[in-house]
Amino acid sequence: MGEHAEGAGGLPGDVPEAQPEVPAVPETAEVPVRRRGRTALLIAGAVVLGLVAGTCTGYLIQADREPTKLPSLSQPTMLQAKGPAPEPLSAARDRQVKTDGDLRKLLLTKPKGTKDADWLADDGWMDLAAYADSYEKPKEIFGDLVGDEFRRAAVTGWKEGSAYTVELRLVQFRQEQSVAAADYCDNNQYWAEHEESTDSWPVAGTGTGMAYVHHKPHTEAGYLPVYSAEAHAWRGDIAVEIWVYGSKSVSKKKIMDLAERQMERL
């Protein structure tokens, strides 16, 4: 019995197929990595050397120059004006003299035929506590008034029969840190404008002064409906507040007349 060729893992008599040649692959394939060149370092070094050389050159050039002469400190002689000096403003024209005096004298006087307001202090002043108490949240407004440099408040008011009551306030601030009078005027105007059924008009000659008439009455259980109108303006360090309440709607003419006459006195 003849010998049979044995294929790798085959049966006797099988002829092994030719295997394709596989090219040899290196065990470790090196991936080319870009090396950091020296060009950037050379450029950076050249820039630094250039700056140093430029600075040294400028210093040497400046050192060789003669110092620039400074202008003379003396000023030309001012000619003195001739003639008498202008007279100081009279108390009627000097607003500061008016507002530093008795603030109550700048309030409108009580009209004839009206009655005194028995809810106000007899002396016509409102101190810090009394003024803060006129707000819905006295404790909060008290702290705000202290920070806003509240100085004093003068107040007057009257009753017109059984129909209306009127109250006017001049609230003065020191204003060493801020323009508090204008701020308080703006705040009062903000709340007045957001009342329902309200008409408003600018008060002539006041810049930003406004008057308001509220057509919807304030109602509370056990009380008659109350209509109201108000006006707010400011001048210098004084905020002007005018309030009118009545059993019937307040006319535009009434609130505007009070506002315009009160501002004229300031």
Protein backbone atom coordinates (compact mmCIF):
# COMPACT_ATOMS: atom_id res chain seq x y z
CA MET A 1 0.00 0.00 0.00
CA GLY A 2 1.47 3.24 -1.16
CA GLU A 3 2.06 6.28 0.94
CA HIS A 4 -0.54 9.04 0.83
CA ALA A 5 0.19 12.75 1.29
CA GLU A 6 -1.48 14.13 4.36
CA GLY A 7 -2.79 17.67 4.32
CA ALA A 8 -2.74 19.71 7.41
CA GLY A 9 -5.84 18.59 9.14
CA GLY A 10 -7.22 16.90 5.95
CA LEU A 11 -8.19 13.51 4.97
CA PRO A 12 -5.80 11.13 3.28
CA GLY A 13 -5.70 11.72 -0.45
CA ASP A 14 -6.75 15.38 -0.20
CA VAL A 15 -4.48 17.84 -1.99
CA PRO A 16 -3.95 21.06 0.01
CA GLU A 17 -4.99 24.27 -1.67
CA ALA A 18 -2.41 26.95 -2.31
CA GLN A 19 -2.49 29.59 0.47
CA PRO A 20 -2.22 33.30 -0.58
CA GLU A 21 0.85 35.03 0.57
CA VAL A 22 0.23 37.61 3.32
CA PRO A 23 2.74 40.44 3.43
CA ALA A 24 4.63 40.71 6.62
CA VAL A 25 3.38 43.48 9.01
CA PRO A 26 5.73 45.03 11.49
CA GLU A 27 4.81 44.25 15.05
CA THR A 28 4.62 47.94 16.01
CA ALA A 29 3.39 50.46 13.42
CA GLU A 30 4.78 53.91 14.17
CA VAL A 31 2.31 56.80 13.67
CA PRO A 32 4.15 59.92 12.57
CA VAL A 33 3.87 62.70 15.17
CA ARG A 34 4.51 66.32 14.25
CA ARG A 35 7.36 67.60 16.27
CA ARG A 36 7.36 71.07 17.73
CA GLY A 37 9.75 73.09 15.64
CA ARG A 38 12.08 75.78 16.86
CA THR A 39 10.66 78.45 14.50
CA ALA A 40 8.07 79.72 16.99
CA LEU A 41 10.65 79.97 19.76
CA LEU A 42 13.03 81.88 17.50
CA ILE A 43 10.28 84.36 16.52
CA ALA A 44 9.26 84.92 20.15
CA GLY A 45 12.86 85.50 21.14
CA ALA A 46 13.31 88.00 18.31
CA VAL A 47 10.19 89.94 19.42
CA VAL A 48 11.45 90.20 23.01
CA LEU A 49 14.89 91.32 21.88
CA GLY A 50 13.27 93.89 19.58
CA LEU A 51 11.19 95.36 22.40
CA VAL A 52 14.18 95.57 24.71
CA ALA A 53 16.35 97.16 22.02
CA GLY A 54 13.59 99.66 21.13
CA THR A 55 13.11 100.65 24.75
CA CYS A 56 16.83 101.16 25.29
CA THR A 57 17.17 103.19 22.09
CA GLY A 58 14.23 105.44 23.02
CA TYR A 59 15.63 105.99 26.50
CA LEU A 60 19.05 106.97 25.12
CA ILE A 61 17.52 109.37 22.60
CA GLN A 62 15.33 110.98 25.26
CA ALA A 63 18.28 111.26 27.69
CA ASP A 64 20.31 113.24 25.12
CA ARG A 65 17.58 115.81 24.63
CA GLU A 66 17.31 118.99 26.66
CA PRO A 67 14.43 119.00 29.18
CA THR A 68 11.26 120.71 28.00
CA LYS A 69 10.56 123.93 29.86
CA LEU A 70 7.34 123.98 31.88
CA PRO A 71 4.90 126.85 31.40
CA SER A 72 4.95 129.61 33.96
CA LEU A 73 2.70 129.14 36.98
CA SER A 74 1.80 132.82 37.11
CA GLN A 75 -1.49 133.85 35.50
CA PRO A 76 -2.27 137.11 33.75
CA THR A 77 -3.63 139.79 36.01
CA MET A 78 -7.43 139.84 36.07
CA LEU A 79 -9.00 143.24 35.82
CA GLN A 80 -11.29 143.98 38.73
CA ALA A 81 -14.81 145.03 37.87
CA LYS A 82 -15.63 148.61 38.67
CA GLY A 83 -18.75 149.91 40.29
CA PRO A 84 -20.79 148.70 43.28
CA ALA A 85 -21.40 144.99 43.81
CA PRO A 86 -24.87 143.67 43.01
CA GLU A 87 -27.33 143.81 45.85
CA PRO A 88 -28.34 140.50 47.43
CA LEU A 89 -31.70 139.08 46.48
CA SER A 90 -34.61 140.22 48.56
CA ALA A 91 -36.45 137.70 50.71
CA ALA A 92 -39.30 137.76 48.20
CA ARG A 93 -36.95 136.64 45.37
CA ASP A 94 -34.59 134.39 47.30
CA ARG A 95 -36.32 131.01 47.40
CA GLN A 96 -33.98 129.62 50.06
CA VAL A 97 -34.80 132.44 52.43
CA LYS A 98 -38.49 131.67 51.98
CA THR A 99 -38.21 127.92 52.50
CA ASP A 100 -35.81 128.20 55.45
CA GLY A 101 -38.24 130.40 57.32
CA ASP A 102 -41.65 129.52 58.72
CA LEU A 103 -42.89 126.93 56.23
CA ARG A 104 -46.47 127.32 57.44
CA LYS A 105 -46.59 130.83 55.95
CA LEU A 106 -46.22 129.34 52.47
CA LEU A 107 -49.40 127.29 52.80
CA LEU A 108 -52.68 128.51 51.35
CA THR A 109 -54.80 130.33 53.87
CA LYS A 110 -58.11 128.89 54.95
CA PRO A 111 -60.93 130.33 52.80
CA LYS A 112 -63.68 132.35 54.42
CA GLY A 113 -66.77 130.43 55.36
CA THR A 114 -64.89 127.18 55.99
CA LYS A 115 -64.29 125.36 59.25
CA ASP A 116 -60.99 124.32 60.83
CA ALA A 117 -59.79 120.78 60.30
CA ASP A 118 -60.13 119.21 63.74
CA TRP A 119 -58.04 116.17 62.71
CA LEU A 120 -54.85 118.27 62.34
CA ALA A 121 -52.48 119.57 65.00
CA ASP A 122 -53.22 123.09 66.19
CA ASP A 123 -49.69 124.35 65.56
CA GLY A 124 -49.70 123.40 61.86
CA TRP A 125 -46.69 121.05 62.03
CA MET A 126 -46.35 117.31 61.44
CA ASP A 127 -43.34 115.63 62.99
CA LEU A 128 -41.69 112.53 61.56
CA ALA A 129 -43.86 110.09 63.51
CA ALA A 130 -47.12 111.85 62.65
CA TYR A 131 -46.26 112.05 58.96
CA ALA A 132 -45.25 108.38 58.82
CA ASP A 133 -48.49 107.44 60.57
CA SER A 134 -50.48 108.89 57.65
CA TYR A 135 -49.26 105.96 55.48
CA GLU A 136 -50.67 102.44 55.44
CA LYS A 137 -47.39 100.96 56.72
CA PRO A 138 -46.02 103.53 59.20
CA LYS A 139 -43.06 101.42 60.39
CA GLU A 140 -41.68 100.97 56.88
CA ILE A 141 -42.17 104.58 55.82
CA PHE A 142 -40.63 105.82 59.09
CA GLY A 143 -37.32 104.14 58.24
CA ASP A 144 -37.48 105.43 54.67
CA LEU A 145 -38.06 109.00 55.87
CA VAL A 146 -35.05 108.83 58.19
CA GLY A 147 -32.86 107.60 55.32
CA ASP A 148 -34.26 110.27 52.98
CA GLU A 149 -33.41 113.05 55.43
CA PHE A 150 -36.91 114.19 56.36
CA ARG A 151 -36.66 117.67 57.81
CA ARG A 152 -40.18 118.85 58.63
CA ALA A 153 -43.74 119.06 57.30
CA ALA A 154 -46.21 121.94 57.49
CA VAL A 155 -49.90 121.17 57.09
CA THR A 156 -53.22 122.96 56.88
CA GLY A 157 -56.77 121.98 56.05
CA TRP A 158 -60.43 122.88 56.31
CA LYS A 159 -64.01 121.69 55.94
CA GLU A 160 -66.30 123.09 53.26
CA GLY A 161 -69.74 122.53 54.75
CA SER A 162 -70.65 118.83 54.78
CA ALA A 163 -69.49 118.20 51.21
CA TYR A 164 -65.68 118.40 51.17
CA THR A 165 -62.57 118.33 53.33
CA VAL A 166 -59.22 119.69 52.13
CA GLU A 167 -55.69 118.97 53.38
CA LEU A 168 -52.43 120.51 52.09
CA ARG A 169 -48.93 119.47 53.10
CA LEU A 170 -45.49 120.93 52.44
CA VAL A 171 -42.95 118.19 53.17
CA GLN A 172 -39.35 119.41 53.32
CA PHE A 173 -36.16 117.33 53.08
CA ARG A 174 -32.54 118.24 53.79
CA GLN A 175 -31.40 116.74 50.46
CA GLU A 176 -27.73 116.44 51.34
CA GLN A 177 -27.52 112.99 49.70
CA SER A 178 -30.41 112.78 47.22
CA VAL A 179 -33.28 114.73 45.66
CA ALA A 180 -35.85 113.23 48.01
CA ALA A 181 -38.63 115.76 47.32
CA ALA A 182 -38.80 114.74 43.66
CA ASP A 183 -38.66 111.05 44.60
CA TYR A 184 -41.61 111.34 47.00
CA CYS A 185 -43.58 113.28 44.41
CA ASP A 186 -42.94 110.55 41.82
CA ASN A 187 -43.97 107.86 44.30
CA ASN A 188 -47.28 109.58 45.10
CA GLN A 189 -47.98 110.11 41.41
CA TYR A 190 -47.30 106.44 40.69
CA TRP A 191 -49.98 105.27 43.13
CA ALA A 192 -52.46 107.95 42.05
CA GLU A 193 -52.16 106.94 38.39
CA HIS A 194 -52.92 103.29 39.21
CA GLU A 195 -56.27 104.03 40.85
CA GLU A 196 -59.29 102.82 38.90
CA SER A 197 -61.42 105.33 36.97
CA THR A 198 -58.95 108.20 37.33
CA ASP A 199 -58.44 111.29 35.18
CA SER A 200 -55.24 113.33 35.39
CA TRP A 201 -53.89 116.68 34.17
CA PRO A 202 -50.51 118.44 34.39
CA VAL A 203 -50.32 121.38 36.78
CA ALA A 204 -49.17 124.45 34.86
CA GLY A 205 -45.80 125.93 35.81
CA THR A 206 -44.64 122.93 37.85
CA GLY A 207 -42.74 120.87 35.30
CA THR A 208 -43.87 117.42 36.41
CA GLY A 209 -46.73 118.30 38.77
CA MET A 210 -49.99 116.38 38.23
CA ALA A 211 -53.57 116.56 39.52
CA TYR A 212 -55.90 113.55 39.73
CA VAL A 213 -59.64 113.00 40.14
CA HIS A 214 -60.79 109.53 41.18
CA HIS A 215 -64.34 108.86 39.97
CA LYS A 216 -64.73 105.54 41.82
CA PRO A 217 -65.52 106.20 45.51
CA HIS A 218 -63.81 104.42 48.37
CA THR A 219 -66.29 102.18 50.18
CA GLU A 220 -66.08 100.63 53.63
CA ALA A 221 -68.68 98.80 55.68
CA GLY A 222 -70.54 101.15 57.99
CA TYR A 223 -69.43 104.31 56.15
CA LEU A 224 -70.74 106.38 53.28
CA PRO A 225 -68.86 106.22 49.95
CA VAL A 226 -66.03 108.78 49.77
CA TYR A 227 -64.80 110.39 46.55
CA SER A 228 -61.32 111.87 46.32
CA ALA A 229 -58.91 113.98 44.30
CA GLU A 230 -55.23 114.73 44.82
CA ALA A 231 -52.32 116.72 43.40
CA HIS A 232 -48.57 116.20 43.73
CA ALA A 233 -45.69 118.46 42.71
CA TRP A 234 -42.32 119.54 44.03
CA ARG A 235 -40.08 122.56 44.04
CA GLY A 236 -36.53 122.56 45.37
CA ASP A 237 -36.48 120.59 48.62
CA ILE A 238 -40.25 120.67 49.16
CA ALA A 239 -42.82 118.08 48.07
CA VAL A 240 -46.40 119.40 47.79
CA GLU A 241 -49.31 117.11 48.63
CA ILE A 242 -52.96 118.15 48.24
CA TRP A 243 -55.92 115.93 49.14
CA VAL A 244 -59.64 116.58 48.71
CA TYR A 245 -62.34 114.20 49.97
CA GLY A 246 -66.09 114.51 49.54
CA SER A 247 -69.47 112.83 49.54
CA LYS A 248 -69.69 113.55 45.81
CA SER A 249 -67.18 113.58 42.97
CA VAL A 250 -64.51 116.31 43.10
CA SER A 251 -64.33 118.54 40.02
CA LYS A 252 -61.20 119.09 37.94
CA LYS A 253 -61.53 122.84 38.49
CA LYS A 254 -61.43 122.45 42.27
CA ILE A 255 -58.26 120.36 42.50
CA MET A 256 -56.46 122.29 39.76
CA ASP A 257 -57.23 125.64 41.41
CA LEU A 258 -55.79 124.45 44.73
CA ALA A 259 -52.67 123.04 43.09
CA GLU A 260 -51.90 126.09 40.96
CA ARG A 261 -52.43 128.60 43.78
CA GLN A 262 -50.33 126.57 46.23
CA MET A 263 -47.44 126.29 43.77
CA GLU A 264 -47.56 130.04 43.12
CA ARG A 265 -46.88 130.64 46.81
CA LEU A 266 -43.63 128.63 46.51
